[in-house]
Amino acid sequence: MPEASIAIQVLPKAKNGKQSLKIIDEVIGFIKKQGVTCEVGPMETAMEGDLDQLLEIVRKIQYLAVKKGAESLFSYIKIIYEPGGVMTIGEKVTKHRKI
């Protein structure tokens, strides 16, 4: 059971909307390669796992976005932490999905 859940919304300042979306796609691709459970939504991406690992991913995202062309960025982050385990993404949203 994961001990933490983090949702992140990255809003890069770029030359235009198309470049901003490209940077966001790079960030999402990076998250997916980190070996944590994640779910992409229309406004943010949620991740679950070990708190330290998730915070390290958040840290690296800041540098990645700039490396990929962002002049600067806003990152909005929500954290749920419970050492005994948090509800999983699936437990939170499965009942709301069409089957």
N, C-alpha and C. Protein backbone atom coordinates (compact mmCIF):
# COMPACT_ATOMS: atom_id res chain seq x y z
N MET A 1 0.84 -1.18 0.00
CA MET A 1 0.00 0.00 0.00
C MET A 1 0.89 1.24 0.00
N PRO A 2 0.63 2.18 -0.89
CA PRO A 2 1.47 3.39 -0.95
C PRO A 2 1.30 4.25 0.30
N GLU A 3 2.38 4.91 0.69
CA GLU A 3 2.30 5.80 1.86
C GLU A 3 1.98 7.24 1.49
N ALA A 4 2.04 7.54 0.20
CA ALA A 4 1.79 8.91 -0.23
C ALA A 4 1.15 8.95 -1.61
N SER A 5 0.44 10.03 -1.82
CA SER A 5 -0.15 10.31 -3.12
C SER A 5 0.11 11.78 -3.40
N ILE A 6 0.63 12.06 -4.58
CA ILE A 6 0.92 13.44 -4.97
C ILE A 6 0.27 13.71 -6.32
N ALA A 7 -0.42 14.83 -6.40
CA ALA A 7 -0.97 15.30 -7.67
C ALA A 7 -0.19 16.54 -8.06
N ILE A 8 0.23 16.60 -9.32
CA ILE A 8 1.00 17.75 -9.78
C ILE A 8 0.40 18.29 -11.07
N GLN A 9 0.30 19.59 -11.11
CA GLN A 9 -0.10 20.31 -12.33
C GLN A 9 1.06 21.23 -12.67
N VAL A 10 1.62 21.06 -13.85
CA VAL A 10 2.75 21.86 -14.30
C VAL A 10 2.27 22.82 -15.38
N LEU A 11 2.53 24.10 -15.17
CA LEU A 11 2.14 25.13 -16.14
C LEU A 11 3.40 25.87 -16.58
N PRO A 12 4.01 25.40 -17.68
CA PRO A 12 5.23 26.04 -18.15
C PRO A 12 4.95 27.35 -18.89
N LYS A 13 5.83 28.31 -18.68
CA LYS A 13 5.79 29.54 -19.48
C LYS A 13 6.68 29.28 -20.68
N ALA A 14 6.07 29.27 -21.85
CA ALA A 14 6.81 28.98 -23.08
C ALA A 14 6.42 30.00 -24.14
N LYS A 15 7.02 29.86 -25.32
CA LYS A 15 6.79 30.82 -26.40
C LYS A 15 5.34 30.83 -26.87
N ASN A 16 4.70 29.66 -26.83
CA ASN A 16 3.31 29.56 -27.27
C ASN A 16 2.67 28.33 -26.65
N GLY A 17 1.36 28.19 -26.86
CA GLY A 17 0.63 27.07 -26.29
C GLY A 17 1.10 25.72 -26.78
N LYS A 18 1.49 25.65 -28.04
CA LYS A 18 1.96 24.39 -28.60
C LYS A 18 3.24 23.93 -27.90
N GLN A 19 4.15 24.86 -27.65
CA GLN A 19 5.39 24.50 -26.95
C GLN A 19 5.09 24.12 -25.50
N SER A 20 4.15 24.81 -24.88
CA SER A 20 3.77 24.46 -23.50
C SER A 20 3.26 23.03 -23.43
N LEU A 21 2.40 22.65 -24.38
CA LEU A 21 1.87 21.28 -24.40
C LEU A 21 2.98 20.26 -24.63
N LYS A 22 3.94 20.59 -25.47
CA LYS A 22 5.07 19.69 -25.71
C LYS A 22 5.85 19.46 -24.41
N ILE A 23 6.07 20.52 -23.65
CA ILE A 23 6.79 20.40 -22.38
C ILE A 23 5.99 19.56 -21.40
N ILE A 24 4.69 19.80 -21.33
CA ILE A 24 3.82 19.01 -20.44
C ILE A 24 3.88 17.54 -20.82
N ASP A 25 3.84 17.24 -22.11
CA ASP A 25 3.95 15.85 -22.57
C ASP A 25 5.28 15.23 -22.16
N GLU A 26 6.36 15.99 -22.21
CA GLU A 26 7.67 15.50 -21.77
C GLU A 26 7.64 15.18 -20.28
N VAL A 27 7.03 16.04 -19.50
CA VAL A 27 6.92 15.82 -18.06
C VAL A 27 6.12 14.55 -17.77
N ILE A 28 4.99 14.39 -18.44
CA ILE A 28 4.17 13.19 -18.24
C ILE A 28 4.94 11.94 -18.63
N GLY A 29 5.66 11.99 -19.74
CA GLY A 29 6.48 10.85 -20.16
C GLY A 29 7.53 10.51 -19.12
N PHE A 30 8.15 11.52 -18.53
CA PHE A 30 9.14 11.31 -17.48
C PHE A 30 8.50 10.62 -16.27
N ILE A 31 7.35 11.11 -15.85
CA ILE A 31 6.66 10.50 -14.70
C ILE A 31 6.38 9.03 -14.97
N LYS A 32 5.88 8.72 -16.16
CA LYS A 32 5.53 7.33 -16.50
C LYS A 32 6.73 6.40 -16.47
N LYS A 33 7.93 6.93 -16.66
CA LYS A 33 9.15 6.10 -16.66
C LYS A 33 9.72 5.89 -15.26
N GLN A 34 9.12 6.47 -14.24
CA GLN A 34 9.71 6.44 -12.90
C GLN A 34 9.33 5.21 -12.08
N GLY A 35 8.48 4.35 -12.59
CA GLY A 35 8.14 3.13 -11.88
C GLY A 35 7.14 3.31 -10.76
N VAL A 36 6.42 4.43 -10.77
CA VAL A 36 5.37 4.64 -9.77
C VAL A 36 4.02 4.55 -10.46
N THR A 37 3.01 4.19 -9.70
CA THR A 37 1.66 4.19 -10.24
C THR A 37 1.25 5.64 -10.49
N CYS A 38 0.72 5.91 -11.67
CA CYS A 38 0.30 7.27 -11.97
C CYS A 38 -0.93 7.25 -12.85
N GLU A 39 -1.64 8.36 -12.81
CA GLU A 39 -2.82 8.51 -13.67
C GLU A 39 -2.86 9.95 -14.17
N VAL A 40 -2.95 10.08 -15.47
CA VAL A 40 -3.00 11.40 -16.10
C VAL A 40 -4.46 11.83 -16.22
N GLY A 41 -4.73 13.02 -15.74
CA GLY A 41 -6.05 13.62 -15.86
C GLY A 41 -5.97 14.86 -16.73
N PRO A 42 -7.09 15.47 -17.02
CA PRO A 42 -7.07 16.64 -17.90
C PRO A 42 -6.41 17.87 -17.28
N MET A 43 -6.30 17.92 -15.94
CA MET A 43 -5.75 19.10 -15.28
C MET A 43 -4.50 18.81 -14.45
N GLU A 44 -4.24 17.54 -14.13
CA GLU A 44 -3.10 17.19 -13.30
C GLU A 44 -2.79 15.71 -13.46
N THR A 45 -1.62 15.33 -12.98
CA THR A 45 -1.23 13.93 -12.96
C THR A 45 -1.05 13.51 -11.51
N ALA A 46 -1.65 12.38 -11.15
CA ALA A 46 -1.54 11.85 -9.79
C ALA A 46 -0.53 10.71 -9.79
N MET A 47 0.25 10.64 -8.72
CA MET A 47 1.24 9.57 -8.54
C MET A 47 1.06 9.01 -7.14
N GLU A 48 1.42 7.75 -6.95
CA GLU A 48 1.39 7.19 -5.61
C GLU A 48 2.62 6.32 -5.39
N GLY A 49 3.07 6.28 -4.13
CA GLY A 49 4.24 5.48 -3.80
C GLY A 49 4.90 5.98 -2.53
N ASP A 50 6.21 5.81 -2.45
CA ASP A 50 7.02 6.26 -1.33
C ASP A 50 7.15 7.78 -1.37
N LEU A 51 6.94 8.45 -0.25
CA LEU A 51 6.97 9.91 -0.21
C LEU A 51 8.28 10.48 -0.74
N ASP A 52 9.40 9.96 -0.28
CA ASP A 52 10.69 10.50 -0.72
C ASP A 52 10.88 10.35 -2.23
N GLN A 53 10.49 9.20 -2.77
CA GLN A 53 10.61 8.98 -4.21
C GLN A 53 9.72 9.96 -4.98
N LEU A 54 8.50 10.17 -4.52
CA LEU A 54 7.60 11.09 -5.21
C LEU A 54 8.10 12.52 -5.15
N LEU A 55 8.62 12.93 -4.00
CA LEU A 55 9.16 14.28 -3.88
C LEU A 55 10.38 14.48 -4.78
N GLU A 56 11.17 13.43 -4.94
CA GLU A 56 12.33 13.51 -5.84
C GLU A 56 11.86 13.66 -7.29
N ILE A 57 10.80 12.96 -7.66
CA ILE A 57 10.24 13.11 -9.00
C ILE A 57 9.76 14.55 -9.21
N VAL A 58 9.07 15.10 -8.23
CA VAL A 58 8.60 16.49 -8.31
C VAL A 58 9.78 17.44 -8.50
N ARG A 59 10.85 17.22 -7.75
CA ARG A 59 12.04 18.07 -7.86
C ARG A 59 12.62 18.00 -9.27
N LYS A 60 12.77 16.79 -9.80
CA LYS A 60 13.36 16.61 -11.12
C LYS A 60 12.49 17.21 -12.23
N ILE A 61 11.18 17.19 -12.04
CA ILE A 61 10.27 17.76 -13.03
C ILE A 61 10.56 19.24 -13.26
N GLN A 62 10.91 19.95 -12.20
CA GLN A 62 11.17 21.39 -12.32
C GLN A 62 12.32 21.64 -13.30
N TYR A 63 13.39 20.89 -13.12
CA TYR A 63 14.57 21.05 -13.99
C TYR A 63 14.29 20.55 -15.41
N LEU A 64 13.55 19.46 -15.52
CA LEU A 64 13.23 18.90 -16.83
C LEU A 64 12.44 19.90 -17.67
N ALA A 65 11.44 20.52 -17.08
CA ALA A 65 10.61 21.47 -17.84
C ALA A 65 11.45 22.62 -18.39
N VAL A 66 12.36 23.13 -17.59
CA VAL A 66 13.23 24.21 -18.06
C VAL A 66 14.18 23.70 -19.14
N LYS A 67 14.72 22.51 -18.94
CA LYS A 67 15.63 21.91 -19.93
C LYS A 67 14.92 21.73 -21.28
N LYS A 68 13.62 21.44 -21.23
CA LYS A 68 12.85 21.20 -22.45
C LYS A 68 12.29 22.48 -23.06
N GLY A 69 12.61 23.64 -22.48
CA GLY A 69 12.24 24.89 -23.13
C GLY A 69 11.38 25.86 -22.34
N ALA A 70 10.97 25.50 -21.15
CA ALA A 70 10.17 26.45 -20.36
C ALA A 70 11.06 27.58 -19.87
N GLU A 71 10.56 28.81 -20.00
CA GLU A 71 11.29 29.95 -19.44
C GLU A 71 11.20 29.92 -17.92
N SER A 72 10.06 29.49 -17.43
CA SER A 72 9.79 29.31 -16.01
C SER A 72 8.56 28.42 -15.92
N LEU A 73 8.16 28.04 -14.72
CA LEU A 73 6.95 27.25 -14.60
C LEU A 73 6.33 27.40 -13.23
N PHE A 74 5.03 27.20 -13.21
CA PHE A 74 4.28 27.09 -11.97
C PHE A 74 3.97 25.61 -11.80
N SER A 75 4.20 25.08 -10.61
CA SER A 75 3.83 23.70 -10.29
C SER A 75 2.90 23.73 -9.10
N TYR A 76 1.71 23.23 -9.29
CA TYR A 76 0.74 23.14 -8.22
C TYR A 76 0.73 21.70 -7.73
N ILE A 77 0.98 21.52 -6.44
CA ILE A 77 1.20 20.18 -5.89
C ILE A 77 0.27 19.94 -4.71
N LYS A 78 -0.36 18.77 -4.71
CA LYS A 78 -1.18 18.33 -3.57
C LYS A 78 -0.55 17.05 -3.05
N ILE A 79 -0.41 16.94 -1.74
CA ILE A 79 0.22 15.78 -1.13
C ILE A 79 -0.69 15.19 -0.06
N ILE A 80 -0.87 13.88 -0.13
CA ILE A 80 -1.50 13.13 0.95
C ILE A 80 -0.44 12.17 1.46
N TYR A 81 -0.17 12.20 2.76
CA TYR A 81 0.84 11.33 3.35
C TYR A 81 0.27 10.66 4.59
N GLU A 82 0.39 9.35 4.62
CA GLU A 82 -0.03 8.57 5.79
C GLU A 82 0.88 7.35 5.86
N PRO A 83 1.78 7.31 6.85
CA PRO A 83 2.75 6.21 6.92
C PRO A 83 2.12 4.82 6.87
N GLY A 84 0.91 4.67 7.38
CA GLY A 84 0.24 3.37 7.34
C GLY A 84 -0.36 3.03 6.00
N GLY A 85 -0.34 3.97 5.08
CA GLY A 85 -0.87 3.73 3.74
C GLY A 85 -2.04 4.63 3.41
N VAL A 86 -2.05 5.14 2.21
CA VAL A 86 -3.15 5.96 1.71
C VAL A 86 -4.02 5.13 0.78
N MET A 87 -5.22 5.59 0.53
CA MET A 87 -6.06 4.93 -0.47
C MET A 87 -5.36 5.02 -1.82
N THR A 88 -5.45 3.96 -2.60
CA THR A 88 -4.83 3.97 -3.92
C THR A 88 -5.68 4.81 -4.88
N ILE A 89 -5.07 5.14 -6.00
CA ILE A 89 -5.79 5.86 -7.05
C ILE A 89 -7.03 5.07 -7.46
N GLY A 90 -6.85 3.77 -7.64
CA GLY A 90 -7.96 2.91 -8.03
C GLY A 90 -9.10 2.91 -7.03
N GLU A 91 -8.76 2.86 -5.75
CA GLU A 91 -9.79 2.88 -4.71
C GLU A 91 -10.57 4.19 -4.72
N LYS A 92 -9.91 5.25 -5.09
CA LYS A 92 -10.56 6.56 -5.09
C LYS A 92 -11.48 6.77 -6.29
N VAL A 93 -11.13 6.23 -7.45
CA VAL A 93 -11.86 6.61 -8.66
C VAL A 93 -12.60 5.49 -9.39
N THR A 94 -12.33 4.24 -9.08
CA THR A 94 -12.94 3.15 -9.84
C THR A 94 -14.46 3.23 -9.85
N LYS A 95 -15.06 3.55 -8.73
CA LYS A 95 -16.53 3.59 -8.66
C LYS A 95 -17.14 4.69 -9.54
N HIS A 96 -16.33 5.63 -9.98
CA HIS A 96 -16.83 6.72 -10.81
C HIS A 96 -16.62 6.49 -12.30
N ARG A 97 -16.01 5.40 -12.64
CA ARG A 97 -15.72 5.11 -14.05
C ARG A 97 -16.81 4.25 -14.66
N LYS A 98 -17.01 4.44 -15.96
CA LYS A 98 -17.94 3.58 -16.69
C LYS A 98 -17.29 2.23 -16.88
N ILE A 99 -18.07 1.20 -16.75
CA ILE A 99 -17.54 -0.17 -16.92
C ILE A 99 -17.91 -0.69 -18.28
